[in-house]
Amino acid sequence: MLRRIIDSPWFYFTLAGLLVIAGVLSQVEIHLPSRPFGEPEQIGELRERDDVNVLFIVIDTLRADRLGGYGYDRPTSPMLDTLARYGVRFDRVESQSTWTKCSMASLWTGLYPVRTGVTRFRHALPEAALVPAELLREAGFRTGGIWRNGWLANNFGFGQGFELYVRPHPSKTPERFEQRTPSTHPLLGNDFDATEAALEFMRAYADERFFLYVHYMDVHQYLYDQEAAKLAFGTSYSDAYDSAISWVDRNVGRLVQELQEEDLLRRTLIVIASDHGEGFYEHGREGHAETLYREVTEVPLIFSLPFALEEGVVVEPLVRNVDIWPTLLDLLGLPPLPEADGQSLLPLIEAAARGDAPAGDPAAPPSAPAYLDRSWGTWGENEREPDPLISLRKGPLRLLYRSEASNSTELYDHSSDPREQRNLASVQPERVAELRRESEEKLTGTIPWGETPEVEIDAMHVEQLRALGYVHDD
């Protein structure tokens, strides 16, 4: 009798239906808050706790304006939107560069690019650079890093402080995945490889205090599965990018679900960040690492606390990626990063949670610089002299200029021109001069550890970087 039931096709139809229902229910469950609700006063009290984990998620190439929580009208990010809804969302965040190695060096150290010295193809963080994983490991955290971007490999110095720092073994990307990446050499595998590795780490250290860093890459690759394809966003690169966000959002949801099942949400701080955005011809180019316009520098930043905030908190003043780790270390009650350019955002968070006006002089709004050496990707016989492109965002304004080309200055006013299409530099020379002086003040200073080392890049790493579109055969 049992054999006949198992052999019947209706058995498998019924089983498939139950699995679909279970999958739907699990998606509903992880989109509901499963932590206790807390009060804003508890944010500053986190430093007194000794049980808070950190799950630090970087979604490579994710621009802020493609998420529902930042006003996007497509359903790209229900999980991220839920984390923001019951947590802390920073409304305006600037990355400090628009290619991964340079940007992440600044994010980890809290230093502007010119002070990390990591601005070109061969540059690496030296052992003398103090990074958050080292501070957390000294404080008793188990530390793990899961990455798929070749710029973050150990040979560039990014593995410091991690007990486990691995690139997950790539699975064969199945047929149910689709890809519209401009790269002719796409990465092997997909972000669920990173998710599976992260799940193993969380299960292994569920009873200990941990810091887990997960760096997702499929948004960079415009890679997505059939579930995301069913959203029918379209077939352009921009549409594929949105589909990839939906796919990665579900990977984040799987990590949140694991924390929920292990009863770890109530003692885990989840951070969602990005290294840079992506352009879709707003300024004549697709991609990143070539310009410093808004579409490639404005990124999301979300803190999901160990307790849910019923009203959520939105921090409206401009902040920077270099502020992320000064803030997290402050929240955890750990020593600060030495000589950091970034600063703790805890006062801004607490003011926003209370409904108070942000501290500071309203006549002198915060500013955020960004830096890109336009010749960063040349090396060997093709190596060129540095060609710095500099941006400063302050209030509604953005200044863009090349230090060696005075006739290329651009000035935009977001209050009337959020897409940065009307250059006002020629009609506001005084503002240009003022912002240029400030940018030069911010982008000066010494590298704390002296010279920045350079590393030889072997054929394997060149192939990995080619897969990201950073190395071209010509």
Foldseek 3Di string as FASTA:
>chain_A
DVVVCVPDPVNVVVVVVVVVVVVVVLVVVLLDDPFAADALVCLLVLQVDDQFAEEEEAEAAAFDQLDVCLPHPAPLASLVNSLQQFAEWENWEFFQFQDFLQRVLCLFQLARSLQQVPFFDFFARDPPRDGPLQQVVVSPAQEEEEDQALSCDVVRPNCPNHPYHDHFDADADDPQKDFDFPFPFADGHAQVSQLVVVLVVCVVQVVGHHYYYTYGCCLLGLMAGNVLVVSVQDDDSVSSSSSSSNRVSVSVSVVSSSCVVSVNLLRYKYKYWYSWHFDDCLPYDTGIQADRFSRTTTIIIGIRHSHTHNRGFYQHAYAYSSQVQLQVCSSNNTDGNPPRPHHHCVQSRSCRSVVHDRDDDPVFGDKDKHKHFNQRLDDDPRRDDTWIWMWMDGDQKIWIDIPVDPVPIFMDGCVVCVSRDDGCCVVCVVVNVVRVVVRVVSSDDHHPVHDTDGDDDDPVSLSSVSNSVSDDPD
